[in-house]
């Protein structure tokens, strides 16, 4: 049986932290900044964590 392939799209979007959690970037952070507040834009720059309910699915995609 051949090896399972990881999702290349998921590999580019998610990364594993040192403690084993999965980090992600925030959505809505690419354009239309005039309608967003300074605080919101600053929060969007930082990375977030994948929710525990989605963790298993993302792990399967990136094959960690």
C-alpha atoms as a PDB file:
ATOM      1  CA  UNK A   1       0.000   0.000   0.000  1.00  0.00           C
ATOM      2  CA  UNK A   2       1.427   3.452  -0.891  1.00  0.00           C
ATOM      3  CA  UNK A   3       2.249   6.097   1.670  1.00  0.00           C
ATOM      4  CA  UNK A   4      -0.400   8.641   2.610  1.00  0.00           C
ATOM      5  CA  UNK A   5       0.258  12.089   1.189  1.00  0.00           C
ATOM      6  CA  UNK A   6      -0.080  15.166   3.375  1.00  0.00           C
ATOM      7  CA  UNK A   7      -2.212  18.027   2.123  1.00  0.00           C
ATOM      8  CA  UNK A   8       0.205  20.569   0.653  1.00  0.00           C
ATOM      9  CA  UNK A   9      -2.290  23.379   1.233  1.00  0.00           C
ATOM     10  CA  UNK A  10      -2.574  22.450   4.921  1.00  0.00           C
ATOM     11  CA  UNK A  11       1.223  22.214   5.275  1.00  0.00           C
ATOM     12  CA  UNK A  12       1.470  25.854   4.178  1.00  0.00           C
ATOM     13  CA  UNK A  13      -1.295  27.068   6.508  1.00  0.00           C
ATOM     14  CA  UNK A  14      -0.581  25.254   9.775  1.00  0.00           C
ATOM     15  CA  UNK A  15       2.496  24.616  11.895  1.00  0.00           C
ATOM     16  CA  UNK A  16       3.103  22.700  15.090  1.00  0.00           C
ATOM     17  CA  UNK A  17       4.215  24.494  18.245  1.00  0.00           C
ATOM     18  CA  UNK A  18       6.797  23.127  20.647  1.00  0.00           C
ATOM     19  CA  UNK A  19       4.128  21.807  22.988  1.00  0.00           C
ATOM     20  CA  UNK A  20       2.319  19.963  20.166  1.00  0.00           C
ATOM     21  CA  UNK A  21      -0.531  22.397  19.570  1.00  0.00           C
ATOM     22  CA  UNK A  22      -1.275  23.557  16.032  1.00  0.00           C
ATOM     23  CA  UNK A  23      -0.854  27.233  15.158  1.00  0.00           C
ATOM     24  CA  UNK A  24      -2.711  29.030  12.388  1.00  0.00           C
ATOM     25  CA  UNK A  25      -2.957  32.536  10.975  1.00  0.00           C
ATOM     26  CA  UNK A  26      -6.077  34.648  11.353  1.00  0.00           C
ATOM     27  CA  UNK A  27      -8.563  35.201   8.559  1.00  0.00           C
ATOM     28  CA  UNK A  28      -9.599  38.658   7.258  1.00  0.00           C
ATOM     29  CA  UNK A  29      -6.052  40.006   7.479  1.00  0.00           C
ATOM     30  CA  UNK A  30      -5.189  40.562   3.824  1.00  0.00           C
ATOM     31  CA  UNK A  31      -7.061  43.649   2.570  1.00  0.00           C
ATOM     32  CA  UNK A  32      -9.772  46.271   3.271  1.00  0.00           C
ATOM     33  CA  UNK A  33      -8.013  47.678   6.307  1.00  0.00           C
ATOM     34  CA  UNK A  34      -9.782  51.054   6.261  1.00  0.00           C
ATOM     35  CA  UNK A  35     -12.902  49.573   7.841  1.00  0.00           C
ATOM     36  CA  UNK A  36     -10.998  47.721  10.584  1.00  0.00           C
ATOM     37  CA  UNK A  37      -9.864  49.285  13.839  1.00  0.00           C
ATOM     38  CA  UNK A  38      -6.217  49.547  14.908  1.00  0.00           C
ATOM     39  CA  UNK A  39      -6.778  47.048  17.704  1.00  0.00           C
ATOM     40  CA  UNK A  40      -8.425  44.541  15.395  1.00  0.00           C
ATOM     41  CA  UNK A  41      -5.607  44.804  12.822  1.00  0.00           C
ATOM     42  CA  UNK A  42      -3.021  44.280  15.552  1.00  0.00           C
ATOM     43  CA  UNK A  43      -4.843  41.170  16.823  1.00  0.00           C
ATOM     44  CA  UNK A  44      -5.059  39.758  13.286  1.00  0.00           C
ATOM     45  CA  UNK A  45      -1.266  39.970  12.889  1.00  0.00           C
ATOM     46  CA  UNK A  46      -0.681  37.479  15.688  1.00  0.00           C
ATOM     47  CA  UNK A  47      -1.146  33.755  15.166  1.00  0.00           C
ATOM     48  CA  UNK A  48      -3.961  31.770  16.751  1.00  0.00           C
ATOM     49  CA  UNK A  49      -4.398  28.143  17.736  1.00  0.00           C
ATOM     50  CA  UNK A  50      -6.574  25.538  16.067  1.00  0.00           C
ATOM     51  CA  UNK A  51      -9.625  24.607  18.149  1.00  0.00           C
ATOM     52  CA  UNK A  52      -9.501  21.223  19.859  1.00  0.00           C
ATOM     53  CA  UNK A  53     -12.568  20.084  17.901  1.00  0.00           C
ATOM     54  CA  UNK A  54     -10.635  20.564  14.625  1.00  0.00           C
ATOM     55  CA  UNK A  55      -7.270  19.324  15.899  1.00  0.00           C
ATOM     56  CA  UNK A  56      -7.633  15.707  14.755  1.00  0.00           C
ATOM     57  CA  UNK A  57      -8.681  16.680  11.222  1.00  0.00           C
ATOM     58  CA  UNK A  58      -5.777  19.124  10.847  1.00  0.00           C
ATOM     59  CA  UNK A  59      -3.278  16.588  12.238  1.00  0.00           C
ATOM     60  CA  UNK A  60      -4.421  14.093   9.617  1.00  0.00           C
ATOM     61  CA  UNK A  61      -4.002  16.677   6.871  1.00  0.00           C
ATOM     62  CA  UNK A  62      -0.474  17.658   7.880  1.00  0.00           C
ATOM     63  CA  UNK A  63       0.502  14.138   9.034  1.00  0.00           C
ATOM     64  CA  UNK A  64       2.137  15.073  12.353  1.00  0.00           C
END
